[in-house]
Amino acid sequence: MNNKVTCENHGEANETFVCEHLVGASGVNWYSAKPIEDDPWPSAWCEKCQESFKKEGEWNEKSENDANLKAKLLCNHCYEETKNQCKVIIV
């Protein structure tokens, strides 16, 4: 079961997380795991954050610090709207 958030634009919806660089982005690379039933809106990150992820092979304290990763909370509708404006790359 997904946690709920109240979005200014969409009301009550499911919470999701993306790196701060994706908020309001358009035309950039969007990296995430493949959506699955238990996680239909997996956390997503940008090209800059992907470079840190690749160096470590996973998200951990070092890769998050190297990327200066700051996760931002979005509702699932804002997540989908932003995702649709980006080039999606499944990792």
PDB file of N, CA and C in Angstrom:
ATOM      1  N   MET A   1       0.839  -1.180   0.000  1.00  0.00           N
ATOM      2  CA  MET A   1       0.000   0.000   0.000  1.00  0.00           C
ATOM      3  C   MET A   1       0.888   1.250   0.000  1.00  0.00           C
ATOM      4  N   ASN A   2       0.600   2.168  -0.874  1.00  0.00           N
ATOM      5  CA  ASN A   2       1.383   3.397  -0.991  1.00  0.00           C
ATOM      6  C   ASN A   2       0.927   4.433   0.024  1.00  0.00           C
ATOM      7  N   ASN A   3       1.897   5.196   0.529  1.00  0.00           N
ATOM      8  CA  ASN A   3       1.581   6.311   1.413  1.00  0.00           C
ATOM      9  C   ASN A   3       0.926   7.405   0.601  1.00  0.00           C
ATOM     10  N   LYS A   4       0.061   8.160   1.233  1.00  0.00           N
ATOM     11  CA  LYS A   4      -0.675   9.226   0.563  1.00  0.00           C
ATOM     12  C   LYS A   4      -0.047  10.579   0.858  1.00  0.00           C
ATOM     13  N   VAL A   5      -0.241  11.493  -0.066  1.00  0.00           N
ATOM     14  CA  VAL A   5       0.212  12.872   0.060  1.00  0.00           C
ATOM     15  C   VAL A   5      -0.904  13.756  -0.503  1.00  0.00           C
ATOM     16  N   THR A   6      -1.001  14.969  -0.011  1.00  0.00           N
ATOM     17  CA  THR A   6      -1.973  15.907  -0.559  1.00  0.00           C
ATOM     18  C   THR A   6      -1.228  16.882  -1.460  1.00  0.00           C
ATOM     19  N   CYS A   7      -1.546  16.833  -2.728  1.00  0.00           N
ATOM     20  CA  CYS A   7      -0.906  17.659  -3.748  1.00  0.00           C
ATOM     21  C   CYS A   7      -1.769  18.905  -3.992  1.00  0.00           C
ATOM     22  N   GLU A   8      -1.120  20.050  -4.148  1.00  0.00           N
ATOM     23  CA  GLU A   8      -1.846  21.290  -4.440  1.00  0.00           C
ATOM     24  C   GLU A   8      -2.629  21.202  -5.743  1.00  0.00           C
ATOM     25  N   ASN A   9      -2.104  20.449  -6.707  1.00  0.00           N
ATOM     26  CA  ASN A   9      -2.734  20.341  -8.024  1.00  0.00           C
ATOM     27  C   ASN A   9      -3.696  19.166  -8.157  1.00  0.00           C
ATOM     28  N   HIS A  10      -3.420  18.062  -7.462  1.00  0.00           N
ATOM     29  CA  HIS A  10      -4.164  16.828  -7.693  1.00  0.00           C
ATOM     30  C   HIS A  10      -4.916  16.300  -6.477  1.00  0.00           C
ATOM     31  N   GLY A  11      -4.825  16.967  -5.358  1.00  0.00           N
ATOM     32  CA  GLY A  11      -5.487  16.490  -4.149  1.00  0.00           C
ATOM     33  C   GLY A  11      -4.771  15.287  -3.571  1.00  0.00           C
ATOM     34  N   GLU A  12      -5.530  14.398  -2.942  1.00  0.00           N
ATOM     35  CA  GLU A  12      -4.921  13.215  -2.324  1.00  0.00           C
ATOM     36  C   GLU A  12      -4.462  12.241  -3.405  1.00  0.00           C
ATOM     37  N   ALA A  13      -3.208  11.810  -3.276  1.00  0.00           N
ATOM     38  CA  ALA A  13      -2.617  10.895  -4.256  1.00  0.00           C
ATOM     39  C   ALA A  13      -1.514  10.097  -3.577  1.00  0.00           C
ATOM     40  N   ASN A  14      -0.887   9.206  -4.324  1.00  0.00           N
ATOM     41  CA  ASN A  14       0.215   8.387  -3.802  1.00  0.00           C
ATOM     42  C   ASN A  14       1.506   9.184  -3.823  1.00  0.00           C
ATOM     43  N   GLU A  15       2.336   9.003  -2.774  1.00  0.00           N
ATOM     44  CA  GLU A  15       3.615   9.705  -2.741  1.00  0.00           C
ATOM     45  C   GLU A  15       4.651   8.975  -3.574  1.00  0.00           C
ATOM     46  N   THR A  16       5.546   9.766  -4.182  1.00  0.00           N
ATOM     47  CA  THR A  16       6.664   9.257  -4.960  1.00  0.00           C
ATOM     48  C   THR A  16       7.867  10.145  -4.663  1.00  0.00           C
ATOM     49  N   PHE A  17       9.060   9.690  -5.075  1.00  0.00           N
ATOM     50  CA  PHE A  17      10.262  10.475  -4.855  1.00  0.00           C
ATOM     51  C   PHE A  17      11.109  10.528  -6.119  1.00  0.00           C
ATOM     52  N   VAL A  18      11.628  11.708  -6.417  1.00  0.00           N
ATOM     53  CA  VAL A  18      12.542  11.910  -7.539  1.00  0.00           C
ATOM     54  C   VAL A  18      13.675  12.817  -7.050  1.00  0.00           C
ATOM     55  N   CYS A  19      14.801  12.820  -7.767  1.00  0.00           N
ATOM     56  CA  CYS A  19      15.862  13.759  -7.400  1.00  0.00           C
ATOM     57  C   CYS A  19      15.386  15.170  -7.739  1.00  0.00           C
ATOM     58  N   GLU A  20      15.935  16.138  -7.038  1.00  0.00           N
ATOM     59  CA  GLU A  20      15.504  17.524  -7.218  1.00  0.00           C
ATOM     60  C   GLU A  20      15.692  18.020  -8.647  1.00  0.00           C
ATOM     61  N   HIS A  21      16.633  17.429  -9.389  1.00  0.00           N
ATOM     62  CA  HIS A  21      16.921  17.880 -10.743  1.00  0.00           C
ATOM     63  C   HIS A  21      15.795  17.530 -11.723  1.00  0.00           C
ATOM     64  N   LEU A  22      14.947  16.576 -11.364  1.00  0.00           N
ATOM     65  CA  LEU A  22      13.852  16.186 -12.249  1.00  0.00           C
ATOM     66  C   LEU A  22      12.584  17.012 -12.038  1.00  0.00           C
ATOM     67  N   VAL A  23      12.483  17.686 -10.913  1.00  0.00           N
ATOM     68  CA  VAL A  23      11.270  18.454 -10.622  1.00  0.00           C
ATOM     69  C   VAL A  23      11.131  19.569 -11.660  1.00  0.00           C
ATOM     70  N   GLY A  24      10.065  19.507 -12.421  1.00  0.00           N
ATOM     71  CA  GLY A  24       9.806  20.497 -13.457  1.00  0.00           C
ATOM     72  C   GLY A  24      10.661  20.349 -14.704  1.00  0.00           C
ATOM     73  N   ALA A  25      11.415  19.263 -14.805  1.00  0.00           N
ATOM     74  CA  ALA A  25      12.316  19.057 -15.941  1.00  0.00           C
ATOM     75  C   ALA A  25      11.554  18.654 -17.194  1.00  0.00           C
ATOM     76  N   SER A  26      12.187  18.873 -18.310  1.00  0.00           N
ATOM     77  CA  SER A  26      11.643  18.461 -19.597  1.00  0.00           C
ATOM     78  C   SER A  26      12.797  18.127 -20.523  1.00  0.00           C
ATOM     79  N   GLY A  27      12.699  17.002 -21.229  1.00  0.00           N
ATOM     80  CA  GLY A  27      13.706  16.623 -22.209  1.00  0.00           C
ATOM     81  C   GLY A  27      14.991  16.053 -21.646  1.00  0.00           C
ATOM     82  N   VAL A  28      15.032  15.768 -20.354  1.00  0.00           N
ATOM     83  CA  VAL A  28      16.237  15.192 -19.747  1.00  0.00           C
ATOM     84  C   VAL A  28      16.063  13.687 -19.582  1.00  0.00           C
ATOM     85  N   ASN A  29      17.174  13.004 -19.300  1.00  0.00           N
ATOM     86  CA  ASN A  29      17.107  11.568 -19.034  1.00  0.00           C
ATOM     87  C   ASN A  29      16.527  11.323 -17.652  1.00  0.00           C
ATOM     88  N   TRP A  30      15.620  10.374 -17.560  1.00  0.00           N
ATOM     89  CA  TRP A  30      14.913   9.983 -16.343  1.00  0.00           C
ATOM     90  C   TRP A  30      15.284   8.534 -16.075  1.00  0.00           C
ATOM     91  N   TYR A  31      15.992   8.277 -14.996  1.00  0.00           N
ATOM     92  CA  TYR A  31      16.422   6.930 -14.641  1.00  0.00           C
ATOM     93  C   TYR A  31      15.572   6.405 -13.492  1.00  0.00           C
ATOM     94  N   SER A  32      15.171   5.144 -13.596  1.00  0.00           N
ATOM     95  CA  SER A  32      14.446   4.496 -12.504  1.00  0.00           C
ATOM     96  C   SER A  32      14.461   2.993 -12.727  1.00  0.00           C
ATOM     97  N   ALA A  33      14.056   2.296 -11.686  1.00  0.00           N
ATOM     98  CA  ALA A  33      13.828   0.859 -11.840  1.00  0.00           C
ATOM     99  C   ALA A  33      12.539   0.680 -12.639  1.00  0.00           C
ATOM    100  N   LYS A  34      12.326  -0.524 -13.114  1.00  0.00           N
ATOM    101  CA  LYS A  34      11.097  -0.830 -13.835  1.00  0.00           C
ATOM    102  C   LYS A  34       9.924  -0.791 -12.855  1.00  0.00           C
ATOM    103  N   PRO A  35       8.847  -0.097 -13.209  1.00  0.00           N
ATOM    104  CA  PRO A  35       7.670  -0.115 -12.335  1.00  0.00           C
ATOM    105  C   PRO A  35       7.130  -1.543 -12.197  1.00  0.00           C
ATOM    106  N   ILE A  36       6.759  -1.909 -10.986  1.00  0.00           N
ATOM    107  CA  ILE A  36       6.170  -3.213 -10.711  1.00  0.00           C
ATOM    108  C   ILE A  36       4.911  -3.000  -9.877  1.00  0.00           C
ATOM    109  N   GLU A  37       4.140  -4.038  -9.720  1.00  0.00           N
ATOM    110  CA  GLU A  37       2.875  -3.925  -8.990  1.00  0.00           C
ATOM    111  C   GLU A  37       3.063  -3.355  -7.590  1.00  0.00           C
ATOM    112  N   ASP A  38       4.084  -3.818  -6.872  1.00  0.00           N
ATOM    113  CA  ASP A  38       4.320  -3.333  -5.502  1.00  0.00           C
ATOM    114  C   ASP A  38       4.971  -1.954  -5.455  1.00  0.00           C
ATOM    115  N   ASP A  39       5.514  -1.488  -6.573  1.00  0.00           N
ATOM    116  CA  ASP A  39       6.167  -0.182  -6.641  1.00  0.00           C
ATOM    117  C   ASP A  39       5.922   0.424  -8.027  1.00  0.00           C
ATOM    118  N   PRO A  40       4.690   0.902  -8.273  1.00  0.00           N
ATOM    119  CA  PRO A  40       4.359   1.406  -9.607  1.00  0.00           C
ATOM    120  C   PRO A  40       5.032   2.732  -9.962  1.00  0.00           C
ATOM    121  N   TRP A  41       5.557   3.452  -8.963  1.00  0.00           N
ATOM    122  CA  TRP A  41       6.247   4.723  -9.184  1.00  0.00           C
ATOM    123  C   TRP A  41       7.597   4.672  -8.471  1.00  0.00           C
ATOM    124  N   PRO A  42       8.552   3.900  -9.018  1.00  0.00           N
ATOM    125  CA  PRO A  42       9.852   3.778  -8.350  1.00  0.00           C
ATOM    126  C   PRO A  42      10.588   5.117  -8.331  1.00  0.00           C
ATOM    127  N   SER A  43      11.415   5.307  -7.326  1.00  0.00           N
ATOM    128  CA  SER A  43      12.212   6.527  -7.241  1.00  0.00           C
ATOM    129  C   SER A  43      12.956   6.739  -8.554  1.00  0.00           C
ATOM    130  N   ALA A  44      13.118   8.015  -8.929  1.00  0.00           N
ATOM    131  CA  ALA A  44      13.748   8.346 -10.208  1.00  0.00           C
ATOM    132  C   ALA A  44      14.821   9.407  -9.992  1.00  0.00           C
ATOM    133  N   TRP A  45      15.802   9.434 -10.925  1.00  0.00           N
ATOM    134  CA  TRP A  45      16.903  10.377 -10.815  1.00  0.00           C
ATOM    135  C   TRP A  45      17.380  10.767 -12.205  1.00  0.00           C
ATOM    136  N   CYS A  46      18.181  11.829 -12.248  1.00  0.00           N
ATOM    137  CA  CYS A  46      18.654  12.419 -13.497  1.00  0.00           C
ATOM    138  C   CYS A  46      20.014  11.849 -13.930  1.00  0.00           C
ATOM    139  N   GLU A  47      20.522  12.364 -15.042  1.00  0.00           N
ATOM    140  CA  GLU A  47      21.818  11.945 -15.593  1.00  0.00           C
ATOM    141  C   GLU A  47      22.962  12.195 -14.608  1.00  0.00           C
ATOM    142  N   LYS A  48      22.981  13.368 -13.986  1.00  0.00           N
ATOM    143  CA  LYS A  48      24.036  13.703 -13.024  1.00  0.00           C
ATOM    144  C   LYS A  48      24.047  12.687 -11.885  1.00  0.00           C
ATOM    145  N   CYS A  49      22.897  12.391 -11.350  1.00  0.00           N
ATOM    146  CA  CYS A  49      22.806  11.419 -10.255  1.00  0.00           C
ATOM    147  C   CYS A  49      23.138  10.013 -10.736  1.00  0.00           C
ATOM    148  N   GLN A  50      22.808   9.706 -11.984  1.00  0.00           N
ATOM    149  CA  GLN A  50      23.117   8.392 -12.552  1.00  0.00           C
ATOM    150  C   GLN A  50      24.621   8.137 -12.570  1.00  0.00           C
ATOM    151  N   GLU A  51      25.412   9.158 -12.842  1.00  0.00           N
ATOM    152  CA  GLU A  51      26.872   8.995 -12.857  1.00  0.00           C
ATOM    153  C   GLU A  51      27.380   8.530 -11.489  1.00  0.00           C
ATOM    154  N   SER A  52      26.860   9.110 -10.416  1.00  0.00           N
ATOM    155  CA  SER A  52      27.253   8.687  -9.063  1.00  0.00           C
ATOM    156  C   SER A  52      26.756   7.285  -8.764  1.00  0.00           C
ATOM    157  N   PHE A  53      25.555   6.966  -9.225  1.00  0.00           N
ATOM    158  CA  PHE A  53      24.987   5.636  -9.036  1.00  0.00           C
ATOM    159  C   PHE A  53      25.870   4.591  -9.729  1.00  0.00           C
ATOM    160  N   LYS A  54      26.304   4.874 -10.959  1.00  0.00           N
ATOM    161  CA  LYS A  54      27.139   3.934 -11.718  1.00  0.00           C
ATOM    162  C   LYS A  54      28.477   3.686 -11.040  1.00  0.00           C
ATOM    163  N   LYS A  55      29.083   4.721 -10.458  1.00  0.00           N
ATOM    164  CA  LYS A  55      30.375   4.560  -9.794  1.00  0.00           C
ATOM    165  C   LYS A  55      30.303   3.566  -8.646  1.00  0.00           C
ATOM    166  N   GLU A  56      29.215   3.589  -7.913  1.00  0.00           N
ATOM    167  CA  GLU A  56      29.047   2.708  -6.757  1.00  0.00           C
ATOM    168  C   GLU A  56      28.286   1.428  -7.093  1.00  0.00           C
ATOM    169  N   GLY A  57      27.502   1.434  -8.153  1.00  0.00           N
ATOM    170  CA  GLY A  57      26.708   0.274  -8.527  1.00  0.00           C
ATOM    171  C   GLY A  57      25.404   0.145  -7.735  1.00  0.00           C
ATOM    172  N   GLU A  58      25.142   1.125  -6.889  1.00  0.00           N
ATOM    173  CA  GLU A  58      23.921   1.123  -6.078  1.00  0.00           C
ATOM    174  C   GLU A  58      23.783   2.487  -5.410  1.00  0.00           C
ATOM    175  N   TRP A  59      22.614   2.723  -4.835  1.00  0.00           N
ATOM    176  CA  TRP A  59      22.454   3.900  -3.993  1.00  0.00           C
ATOM    177  C   TRP A  59      22.919   3.533  -2.598  1.00  0.00           C
ATOM    178  N   ASN A  60      23.873   4.290  -2.116  1.00  0.00           N
ATOM    179  CA  ASN A  60      24.366   4.132  -0.755  1.00  0.00           C
ATOM    180  C   ASN A  60      24.810   5.522  -0.285  1.00  0.00           C
ATOM    181  N   GLU A  61      25.366   5.602   0.889  1.00  0.00           N
ATOM    182  CA  GLU A  61      25.743   6.904   1.435  1.00  0.00           C
ATOM    183  C   GLU A  61      26.736   7.634   0.528  1.00  0.00           C
ATOM    184  N   LYS A  62      27.737   6.904  -0.011  1.00  0.00           N
ATOM    185  CA  LYS A  62      28.741   7.531  -0.867  1.00  0.00           C
ATOM    186  C   LYS A  62      28.129   8.036  -2.170  1.00  0.00           C
ATOM    187  N   SER A  63      27.351   7.208  -2.846  1.00  0.00           N
ATOM    188  CA  SER A  63      26.774   7.644  -4.126  1.00  0.00           C
ATOM    189  C   SER A  63      25.779   8.784  -3.920  1.00  0.00           C
ATOM    190  N   GLU A  64      25.024   8.745  -2.843  1.00  0.00           N
ATOM    191  CA  GLU A  64      24.083   9.830  -2.564  1.00  0.00           C
ATOM    192  C   GLU A  64      24.823  11.126  -2.252  1.00  0.00           C
ATOM    193  N   ASN A  65      25.925  11.037  -1.503  1.00  0.00           N
ATOM    194  CA  ASN A  65      26.714  12.231  -1.204  1.00  0.00           C
ATOM    195  C   ASN A  65      27.403  12.767  -2.452  1.00  0.00           C
ATOM    196  N   ASP A  66      27.981  11.882  -3.274  1.00  0.00           N
ATOM    197  CA  ASP A  66      28.659  12.306  -4.496  1.00  0.00           C
ATOM    198  C   ASP A  66      27.692  13.010  -5.455  1.00  0.00           C
ATOM    199  N   ALA A  67      26.480  12.528  -5.510  1.00  0.00           N
ATOM    200  CA  ALA A  67      25.470  13.126  -6.391  1.00  0.00           C
ATOM    201  C   ALA A  67      24.838  14.359  -5.758  1.00  0.00           C
ATOM    202  N   ASN A  68      25.130  14.567  -4.465  1.00  0.00           N
ATOM    203  CA  ASN A  68      24.444  15.620  -3.715  1.00  0.00           C
ATOM    204  C   ASN A  68      22.934  15.420  -3.864  1.00  0.00           C
ATOM    205  N   LEU A  69      22.543  14.155  -3.765  1.00  0.00           N
ATOM    206  CA  LEU A  69      21.161  13.752  -4.007  1.00  0.00           C
ATOM    207  C   LEU A  69      20.232  14.333  -2.955  1.00  0.00           C
ATOM    208  N   LYS A  70      19.239  15.052  -3.447  1.00  0.00           N
ATOM    209  CA  LYS A  70      18.190  15.583  -2.587  1.00  0.00           C
ATOM    210  C   LYS A  70      16.867  15.101  -3.163  1.00  0.00           C
ATOM    211  N   ALA A  71      16.258  14.151  -2.479  1.00  0.00           N
ATOM    212  CA  ALA A  71      15.001  13.587  -2.950  1.00  0.00           C
ATOM    213  C   ALA A  71      13.871  14.578  -2.715  1.00  0.00           C
ATOM    214  N   LYS A  72      12.988  14.672  -3.687  1.00  0.00           N
ATOM    215  CA  LYS A  72      11.822  15.542  -3.587  1.00  0.00           C
ATOM    216  C   LYS A  72      10.560  14.692  -3.662  1.00  0.00           C
ATOM    217  N   LEU A  73       9.610  15.027  -2.846  1.00  0.00           N
ATOM    218  CA  LEU A  73       8.335  14.332  -2.792  1.00  0.00           C
ATOM    219  C   LEU A  73       7.408  14.872  -3.870  1.00  0.00           C
ATOM    220  N   LEU A  74       6.828  13.973  -4.653  1.00  0.00           N
ATOM    221  CA  LEU A  74       5.813  14.323  -5.650  1.00  0.00           C
ATOM    222  C   LEU A  74       4.626  13.389  -5.479  1.00  0.00           C
ATOM    223  N   CYS A  75       3.459  13.840  -5.897  1.00  0.00           N
ATOM    224  CA  CYS A  75       2.333  12.904  -5.973  1.00  0.00           C
ATOM    225  C   CYS A  75       2.512  12.076  -7.242  1.00  0.00           C
ATOM    226  N   ASN A  76       1.823  10.943  -7.322  1.00  0.00           N
ATOM    227  CA  ASN A  76       1.995  10.072  -8.481  1.00  0.00           C
ATOM    228  C   ASN A  76       1.566  10.736  -9.789  1.00  0.00           C
ATOM    229  N   HIS A  77       0.645  11.687  -9.741  1.00  0.00           N
ATOM    230  CA  HIS A  77       0.217  12.377 -10.964  1.00  0.00           C
ATOM    231  C   HIS A  77       1.309  13.343 -11.450  1.00  0.00           C
ATOM    232  N   CYS A  78       1.911  14.101 -10.525  1.00  0.00           N
ATOM    233  CA  CYS A  78       3.027  14.986 -10.884  1.00  0.00           C
ATOM    234  C   CYS A  78       4.210  14.167 -11.396  1.00  0.00           C
ATOM    235  N   TYR A  79       4.447  13.018 -10.764  1.00  0.00           N
ATOM    236  CA  TYR A  79       5.504  12.087 -11.183  1.00  0.00           C
ATOM    237  C   TYR A  79       5.287  11.690 -12.642  1.00  0.00           C
ATOM    238  N   GLU A  80       4.079  11.249 -12.970  1.00  0.00           N
ATOM    239  CA  GLU A  80       3.778  10.797 -14.338  1.00  0.00           C
ATOM    240  C   GLU A  80       3.874  11.951 -15.336  1.00  0.00           C
ATOM    241  N   GLU A  81       3.399  13.123 -14.964  1.00  0.00           N
ATOM    242  CA  GLU A  81       3.481  14.278 -15.856  1.00  0.00           C
ATOM    243  C   GLU A  81       4.930  14.620 -16.175  1.00  0.00           C
ATOM    244  N   THR A  82       5.777  14.620 -15.150  1.00  0.00           N
ATOM    245  CA  THR A  82       7.189  14.920 -15.349  1.00  0.00           C
ATOM    246  C   THR A  82       7.863  13.810 -16.148  1.00  0.00           C
ATOM    247  N   LYS A  83       7.583  12.575 -15.798  1.00  0.00           N
ATOM    248  CA  LYS A  83       8.167  11.427 -16.499  1.00  0.00           C
ATOM    249  C   LYS A  83       7.846  11.482 -17.993  1.00  0.00           C
ATOM    250  N   ASN A  84       6.627  11.877 -18.331  1.00  0.00           N
ATOM    251  CA  ASN A  84       6.207  11.946 -19.735  1.00  0.00           C
ATOM    252  C   ASN A  84       6.936  13.031 -20.519  1.00  0.00           C
ATOM    253  N   GLN A  85       7.595  13.959 -19.829  1.00  0.00           N
ATOM    254  CA  GLN A  85       8.349  15.040 -20.475  1.00  0.00           C
ATOM    255  C   GLN A  85       9.833  14.695 -20.615  1.00  0.00           C
ATOM    256  N   CYS A  86      10.199  13.510 -20.131  1.00  0.00           N
ATOM    257  CA  CYS A  86      11.611  13.109 -20.107  1.00  0.00           C
ATOM    258  C   CYS A  86      11.839  11.854 -20.951  1.00  0.00           C
ATOM    259  N   LYS A  87      13.107  11.547 -21.183  1.00  0.00           N
ATOM    260  CA  LYS A  87      13.497  10.305 -21.841  1.00  0.00           C
ATOM    261  C   LYS A  87      13.718   9.261 -20.761  1.00  0.00           C
ATOM    262  N   VAL A  88      12.869   8.258 -20.717  1.00  0.00           N
ATOM    263  CA  VAL A  88      12.899   7.256 -19.644  1.00  0.00           C
ATOM    264  C   VAL A  88      13.915   6.172 -19.961  1.00  0.00           C
ATOM    265  N   ILE A  89      14.784   5.907 -18.974  1.00  0.00           N
ATOM    266  CA  ILE A  89      15.792   4.859 -19.078  1.00  0.00           C
ATOM    267  C   ILE A  89      15.643   3.961 -17.847  1.00  0.00           C
ATOM    268  N   ILE A  90      15.312   2.706 -18.063  1.00  0.00           N
ATOM    269  CA  ILE A  90      15.127   1.745 -16.978  1.00  0.00           C
ATOM    270  C   ILE A  90      16.477   1.121 -16.643  1.00  0.00           C
ATOM    271  N   VAL A  91      16.823   1.153 -15.350  1.00  0.00           N
ATOM    272  CA  VAL A  91      18.102   0.562 -14.908  1.00  0.00           C
ATOM    273  C   VAL A  91      17.862  -0.680 -14.077  1.00  0.00           C
TER     274      VAL A  91
END
